[in-house]
Amino acid sequence: MIKSGRTPLFSHVLLYHAVFDTIPDSVKTNLQNVSPDELYKQLAWMKEHFDLVRLDDLLTMPDQEGTFAVTFDDAYKSVFSMALPVLEDLAVPATVFVIGSTLSKKIFWRDKVRLLMSAGRVDDFVSWADPFCRKSAITADDFYKRSKAPDVNSAELDRLLDDFLDLGLSGLLRSTNLCADDHDQLIDHPLLTYGNHTHNHYVLSSLSRPEKDREIRVNARIIDGLDRKTSKVFSIPFGGLETFDAETFAILAAEGYGAALLSRNRANHQTDGPLPNLYGLPVLERYMPKATFEEFQQQVPDMIRAAHEVTSF
């Protein structure tokens, strides 16, 4: 794993989300969180063993082997209050991918899902939304997984979540506004670059072409209007191959994006020459670091092994 070693290092795009010391009780279920102390240890260790680059630099590097870049999805407020001091101490640049609707005070719908689970109200919701849940093959037992399935319309589910939560959990819902909810919270900082993570973070392959178009283009205009350093890489919500389609990439190409980020928990498996390509657009692999430094140290070689085993999409 050392830079001077002969083992291929590949390139590593780290995908973080929240950076709480203590995760709020309302969203404890299934929220990827790395505490500030663990984040510091992980990034300091990566700097010892890999060459730090900005995400967009990977698009033009002829050889990305042995590099790493840092990303944060969803623009949780804790990124700015808890992670940014770590980035400053270590001089680590990062790209933050923004869900535009949260800037208008809309609660991130995945946090609504976590809220229902943490509050023990999943059974109640599935019963209340019985026609939709039956149509979408959603049960209380598989609620979290099925709620993000590509054959379940995310936009329709989000509207139902709002209606249900308004019936009795509206106060708790308001306290669950954990993502940046104002443009000014997206700090103008030399280490930070901002990118498009769609307007609502819906599963793009679950949407109609007009819905996909709005999700990508509306948020592109929001990001362009921030007067901040911006990325030409697009972060695909959820990031699995089943979560997007050719229509998605046609819109991204028309918007002038240089690459798209997958999130399949592996290092980049092609690090020499052109980036891997899907639907005519380059793609980058990335993975979510484990919560502790010790777990992360074991995870990095696992991600390299996973990349070795993949030869195609």
Protein backbone atom coordinates (compact mmCIF):
# COMPACT_ATOMS: atom_id res chain seq x y z
CA MET A 1 0.00 0.00 0.00
CA ILE A 2 3.02 2.29 0.16
CA LYS A 3 3.64 4.69 -2.74
CA SER A 4 7.04 3.19 -3.44
CA GLY A 5 5.76 -0.39 -3.53
CA ARG A 6 5.19 -2.45 -6.68
CA THR A 7 1.58 -3.44 -5.92
CA PRO A 8 -0.85 -1.49 -8.15
CA LEU A 9 -2.50 1.19 -6.04
CA PHE A 10 -5.33 2.22 -8.37
CA SER A 11 -7.06 5.53 -7.64
CA HIS A 12 -9.44 6.10 -4.78
CA VAL A 13 -12.42 8.46 -4.69
CA LEU A 14 -13.70 8.53 -1.13
CA LEU A 15 -17.43 9.09 -0.62
CA TYR A 16 -18.43 10.63 2.70
CA HIS A 17 -21.84 11.84 3.81
CA ALA A 18 -22.40 13.08 7.37
CA VAL A 19 -19.64 14.02 9.82
CA PHE A 20 -21.33 14.11 13.24
CA ASP A 21 -19.63 13.49 16.57
CA THR A 22 -22.94 11.90 17.56
CA ILE A 23 -25.58 11.06 14.97
CA PRO A 24 -28.97 12.64 15.76
CA ASP A 25 -31.43 10.05 17.04
CA SER A 26 -33.95 10.92 14.31
CA VAL A 27 -31.69 9.61 11.52
CA LYS A 28 -29.49 7.02 13.20
CA THR A 29 -30.74 4.19 10.99
CA ASN A 30 -28.57 3.61 7.91
CA LEU A 31 -26.88 7.02 7.81
CA GLN A 32 -23.27 6.78 6.71
CA ASN A 33 -21.34 8.86 9.23
CA VAL A 34 -17.65 9.25 9.99
CA SER A 35 -16.84 11.31 13.08
CA PRO A 36 -14.42 14.25 12.77
CA ASP A 37 -11.70 12.41 14.71
CA GLU A 38 -11.98 9.32 12.50
CA LEU A 39 -12.11 11.49 9.38
CA TYR A 40 -8.85 13.13 10.41
CA LYS A 41 -7.11 9.79 10.92
CA GLN A 42 -8.40 8.40 7.62
CA LEU A 43 -7.37 11.38 5.52
CA ALA A 44 -3.98 11.75 7.23
CA TRP A 45 -3.27 8.08 6.50
CA MET A 46 -4.38 8.42 2.89
CA LYS A 47 -2.02 11.36 2.43
CA GLU A 48 0.85 9.19 3.68
CA HIS A 49 0.15 6.42 1.15
CA PHE A 50 -1.45 8.11 -1.87
CA ASP A 51 -1.11 11.31 -3.86
CA LEU A 52 -3.88 13.79 -3.09
CA VAL A 53 -5.69 15.35 -6.07
CA ARG A 54 -8.84 17.31 -6.70
CA LEU A 55 -11.65 15.23 -8.13
CA ASP A 56 -11.81 17.06 -11.46
CA ASP A 57 -8.08 16.58 -11.97
CA LEU A 58 -8.73 12.86 -12.48
CA LEU A 59 -10.48 13.68 -15.76
CA THR A 60 -7.28 14.86 -17.40
CA MET A 61 -4.56 12.82 -15.68
CA PRO A 62 -3.00 10.28 -18.07
CA ASP A 63 -2.20 7.99 -15.12
CA GLN A 64 -4.35 8.17 -12.00
CA GLU A 65 -2.66 5.25 -10.21
CA GLY A 66 -1.82 5.93 -6.58
CA THR A 67 -4.05 9.00 -6.28
CA PHE A 68 -7.03 9.79 -4.08
CA ALA A 69 -9.75 12.42 -4.05
CA VAL A 70 -12.38 13.31 -1.45
CA THR A 71 -16.11 13.83 -2.00
CA PHE A 72 -19.11 14.50 0.23
CA ASP A 73 -22.63 13.76 -1.00
CA ASP A 74 -25.81 15.58 0.08
CA ALA A 75 -24.14 18.66 1.63
CA TYR A 76 -24.93 17.83 5.23
CA LYS A 77 -24.40 20.85 7.46
CA SER A 78 -21.92 18.82 9.50
CA VAL A 79 -19.57 18.86 6.49
CA PHE A 80 -19.09 22.58 6.99
CA SER A 81 -19.13 22.67 10.78
CA MET A 82 -17.22 19.46 11.55
CA ALA A 83 -15.40 18.25 8.43
CA LEU A 84 -14.10 21.54 7.05
CA PRO A 85 -11.78 22.15 10.05
CA VAL A 86 -10.29 18.70 9.39
CA LEU A 87 -9.83 19.49 5.70
CA GLU A 88 -8.15 22.78 6.65
CA ASP A 89 -5.78 21.15 9.13
CA LEU A 90 -4.70 18.58 6.54
CA ALA A 91 -4.93 20.85 3.47
CA VAL A 92 -7.29 18.40 1.77
CA PRO A 93 -9.57 19.71 -1.02
CA ALA A 94 -13.02 18.16 -1.35
CA THR A 95 -15.97 18.24 -3.70
CA VAL A 96 -19.40 18.62 -2.09
CA PHE A 97 -22.36 17.40 -4.13
CA VAL A 98 -25.49 19.41 -3.44
CA ILE A 99 -29.18 18.46 -3.51
CA GLY A 100 -30.70 21.73 -4.66
CA SER A 101 -34.15 21.32 -3.14
CA THR A 102 -32.74 21.32 0.41
CA LEU A 103 -31.57 24.91 -0.16
CA SER A 104 -35.27 25.84 -0.16
CA LYS A 105 -35.80 24.16 3.24
CA LYS A 106 -37.09 20.89 1.77
CA ILE A 107 -36.09 17.90 3.92
CA PHE A 108 -33.90 15.36 2.13
CA TRP A 109 -36.25 12.45 1.43
CA ARG A 110 -33.77 9.77 2.50
CA ASP A 111 -33.69 11.44 5.92
CA LYS A 112 -37.49 11.18 5.96
CA VAL A 113 -37.09 7.43 5.39
CA ARG A 114 -34.56 7.26 8.23
CA LEU A 115 -36.89 9.31 10.43
CA LEU A 116 -39.73 6.83 9.95
CA MET A 117 -37.44 3.94 10.78
CA SER A 118 -35.92 5.59 13.84
CA ALA A 119 -39.39 6.58 15.10
CA GLY A 120 -40.72 3.04 14.64
CA ARG A 121 -43.42 4.19 12.22
CA VAL A 122 -42.64 2.12 9.14
CA ASP A 123 -45.52 -0.29 9.72
CA ASP A 124 -47.89 2.65 10.08
CA PHE A 125 -46.68 4.21 6.85
CA VAL A 126 -46.90 1.00 4.84
CA SER A 127 -50.47 0.51 6.06
CA TRP A 128 -51.42 4.15 5.39
CA ALA A 129 -49.89 4.09 1.89
CA ASP A 130 -51.17 0.59 1.13
CA PRO A 131 -52.10 1.11 -2.57
CA PHE A 132 -48.69 2.57 -3.41
CA CYS A 133 -46.77 0.06 -1.29
CA ARG A 134 -48.63 -2.87 -2.81
CA LYS A 135 -47.98 -1.57 -6.33
CA SER A 136 -44.32 -1.03 -5.45
CA ALA A 137 -43.89 -4.33 -3.56
CA ILE A 138 -42.85 -2.44 -0.42
CA THR A 139 -43.29 -4.15 2.94
CA ALA A 140 -42.28 -3.03 6.40
CA ASP A 141 -39.49 -5.62 6.43
CA ASP A 142 -37.83 -4.38 3.23
CA PHE A 143 -38.91 -0.73 3.42
CA TYR A 144 -35.42 0.81 3.33
CA LYS A 145 -34.14 -1.28 0.43
CA ARG A 146 -37.31 -1.13 -1.67
CA SER A 147 -37.76 2.60 -1.10
CA LYS A 148 -34.72 3.21 -3.30
CA ALA A 149 -35.42 0.53 -5.91
CA PRO A 150 -35.38 1.64 -9.57
CA ASP A 151 -38.91 0.33 -10.15
CA VAL A 152 -40.31 2.51 -7.34
CA ASN A 153 -40.97 6.11 -8.40
CA SER A 154 -38.96 8.17 -5.91
CA ALA A 155 -40.89 11.38 -6.54
CA GLU A 156 -44.23 9.72 -5.81
CA LEU A 157 -42.86 8.11 -2.65
CA ASP A 158 -41.44 11.45 -1.47
CA ARG A 159 -44.86 13.10 -1.82
CA LEU A 160 -46.46 10.33 0.24
CA LEU A 161 -43.79 10.64 2.92
CA ASP A 162 -44.56 14.36 3.23
CA ASP A 163 -48.29 13.73 3.55
CA PHE A 164 -47.83 11.02 6.16
CA LEU A 165 -45.28 12.93 8.24
CA ASP A 166 -47.53 16.00 8.25
CA LEU A 167 -50.18 13.93 10.05
CA GLY A 168 -48.22 13.55 13.25
CA LEU A 169 -44.46 13.93 12.92
CA SER A 170 -44.17 17.42 11.46
CA GLY A 171 -42.31 18.77 14.49
CA LEU A 172 -39.76 15.97 14.42
CA LEU A 173 -39.53 16.38 10.66
CA ARG A 174 -38.53 20.03 10.95
CA SER A 175 -35.76 19.10 13.37
CA THR A 176 -34.47 16.61 10.78
CA ASN A 177 -33.38 19.36 8.38
CA LEU A 178 -29.74 18.27 8.42
CA CYS A 179 -28.60 19.23 4.91
CA ALA A 180 -27.60 22.73 3.87
CA ASP A 181 -30.84 24.72 3.63
CA ASP A 182 -29.48 28.08 2.53
CA HIS A 183 -27.06 29.10 -0.21
CA ASP A 184 -24.89 30.94 2.32
CA GLN A 185 -24.23 27.67 4.16
CA LEU A 186 -22.32 26.47 1.10
CA ILE A 187 -19.15 28.21 2.21
CA ASP A 188 -16.95 29.87 -0.39
CA HIS A 189 -13.63 28.27 0.53
CA PRO A 190 -10.46 27.52 -1.48
CA LEU A 191 -10.62 23.84 -0.49
CA LEU A 192 -14.26 23.33 -1.48
CA THR A 193 -15.74 22.67 -4.91
CA TYR A 194 -19.47 22.16 -5.45
CA GLY A 195 -21.20 19.74 -7.79
CA ASN A 196 -24.59 18.53 -9.00
CA HIS A 197 -26.32 15.71 -7.11
CA THR A 198 -29.75 16.39 -8.70
CA HIS A 199 -32.52 18.56 -7.34
CA ASN A 200 -34.13 15.92 -5.09
CA HIS A 201 -31.81 12.88 -5.09
CA TYR A 202 -34.42 10.60 -6.64
CA VAL A 203 -33.50 7.32 -8.32
CA LEU A 204 -33.11 8.65 -11.85
CA SER A 205 -34.02 5.39 -13.56
CA SER A 206 -37.38 5.43 -11.71
CA LEU A 207 -38.36 8.72 -13.35
CA SER A 208 -39.80 9.71 -16.71
CA ARG A 209 -37.55 11.53 -19.20
CA PRO A 210 -39.09 14.95 -18.32
CA GLU A 211 -38.62 14.21 -14.61
CA LYS A 212 -34.97 13.24 -15.15
CA ASP A 213 -34.46 16.37 -17.19
CA ARG A 214 -35.80 18.58 -14.41
CA GLU A 215 -33.80 16.80 -11.72
CA ILE A 216 -30.51 17.37 -13.54
CA ARG A 217 -31.04 20.69 -15.31
CA VAL A 218 -32.78 22.58 -12.49
CA ASN A 219 -29.97 21.65 -10.12
CA ALA A 220 -27.34 22.51 -12.71
CA ARG A 221 -28.73 26.05 -12.82
CA ILE A 222 -28.65 26.23 -9.01
CA ILE A 223 -25.04 25.07 -8.86
CA ASP A 224 -24.02 27.45 -11.65
CA GLY A 225 -25.64 30.33 -9.76
CA LEU A 226 -23.76 29.76 -6.50
CA ASP A 227 -20.77 31.92 -7.47
CA ARG A 228 -18.54 29.17 -6.10
CA LYS A 229 -15.92 26.88 -7.59
CA THR A 230 -17.89 24.14 -9.37
CA SER A 231 -17.19 20.63 -10.65
CA LYS A 232 -17.80 19.20 -14.11
CA VAL A 233 -18.32 15.77 -12.54
CA PHE A 234 -21.91 14.68 -11.84
CA SER A 235 -22.72 12.58 -8.78
CA ILE A 236 -25.38 9.98 -9.60
CA PRO A 237 -27.78 9.49 -6.68
CA PHE A 238 -27.16 6.03 -5.17
CA GLY A 239 -24.63 5.35 -7.92
CA GLY A 240 -25.40 1.76 -8.89
CA LEU A 241 -25.72 0.68 -12.52
CA GLU A 242 -29.46 0.15 -12.03
CA THR A 243 -30.01 3.73 -10.81
CA PHE A 244 -29.53 5.48 -14.15
CA ASP A 245 -29.99 4.81 -17.87
CA ALA A 246 -29.04 6.06 -21.32
CA GLU A 247 -31.50 8.98 -21.02
CA THR A 248 -29.67 10.10 -17.87
CA PHE A 249 -26.33 10.19 -19.66
CA ALA A 250 -27.77 11.92 -22.72
CA ILE A 251 -28.91 14.78 -20.46
CA LEU A 252 -25.52 14.90 -18.70
CA ALA A 253 -23.70 15.06 -22.03
CA ALA A 254 -25.99 17.86 -23.24
CA GLU A 255 -25.27 19.75 -20.02
CA GLY A 256 -21.53 19.49 -20.67
CA TYR A 257 -20.49 17.24 -17.80
CA GLY A 258 -17.05 15.67 -18.14
CA ALA A 259 -17.75 12.51 -16.14
CA ALA A 260 -20.18 10.83 -13.77
CA LEU A 261 -19.52 9.28 -10.37
CA LEU A 262 -20.61 5.74 -9.60
CA SER A 263 -20.84 4.49 -6.00
CA ARG A 264 -20.25 0.75 -6.25
CA ASN A 265 -17.75 0.42 -3.40
CA ARG A 266 -14.56 -0.14 -5.33
CA ALA A 267 -11.44 1.71 -6.38
CA ASN A 268 -11.10 2.89 -9.95
CA HIS A 269 -10.22 -0.27 -11.85
CA GLN A 270 -8.71 1.52 -14.84
CA THR A 271 -6.00 3.95 -13.81
CA ASP A 272 -3.84 4.18 -16.90
CA GLY A 273 -5.17 5.82 -20.05
CA PRO A 274 -8.75 6.94 -20.73
CA LEU A 275 -11.31 6.60 -17.99
CA PRO A 276 -13.93 3.84 -18.27
CA ASN A 277 -16.88 4.92 -20.36
CA LEU A 278 -20.66 4.41 -20.18
CA TYR A 279 -23.15 5.73 -22.74
CA GLY A 280 -20.40 7.90 -24.19
CA LEU A 281 -19.42 9.58 -20.91
CA PRO A 282 -16.43 8.79 -18.64
CA VAL A 283 -17.21 7.38 -15.20
CA LEU A 284 -15.32 7.22 -11.91
CA GLU A 285 -15.76 4.57 -9.23
CA ARG A 286 -15.78 5.45 -5.52
CA TYR A 287 -16.51 3.93 -2.14
CA MET A 288 -17.83 4.87 1.30
CA PRO A 289 -15.21 4.70 4.06
CA LYS A 290 -16.04 2.63 7.12
CA ALA A 291 -16.80 4.49 10.35
CA THR A 292 -13.52 3.75 12.15
CA PHE A 293 -9.91 4.14 11.14
CA GLU A 294 -9.12 0.50 11.88
CA GLU A 295 -11.97 -0.67 9.64
CA PHE A 296 -10.92 1.78 6.96
CA GLN A 297 -7.34 0.48 6.91
CA GLN A 298 -8.70 -2.98 6.13
CA GLN A 299 -11.23 -1.62 3.65
CA VAL A 300 -8.76 0.07 1.28
CA PRO A 301 -7.03 -3.16 0.15
CA ASP A 302 -10.47 -4.77 -0.13
CA MET A 303 -11.52 -2.03 -2.55
CA ILE A 304 -8.38 -2.68 -4.60
CA ARG A 305 -9.13 -6.40 -4.71
CA ALA A 306 -12.70 -5.66 -5.80
CA ALA A 307 -11.34 -3.46 -8.58
CA HIS A 308 -8.96 -6.23 -9.70
CA GLU A 309 -11.90 -8.62 -10.04
CA VAL A 310 -13.91 -6.28 -12.31
CA THR A 311 -13.00 -6.26 -15.98
CA SER A 312 -16.11 -4.64 -17.45
CA PHE A 313 -19.45 -3.11 -16.60
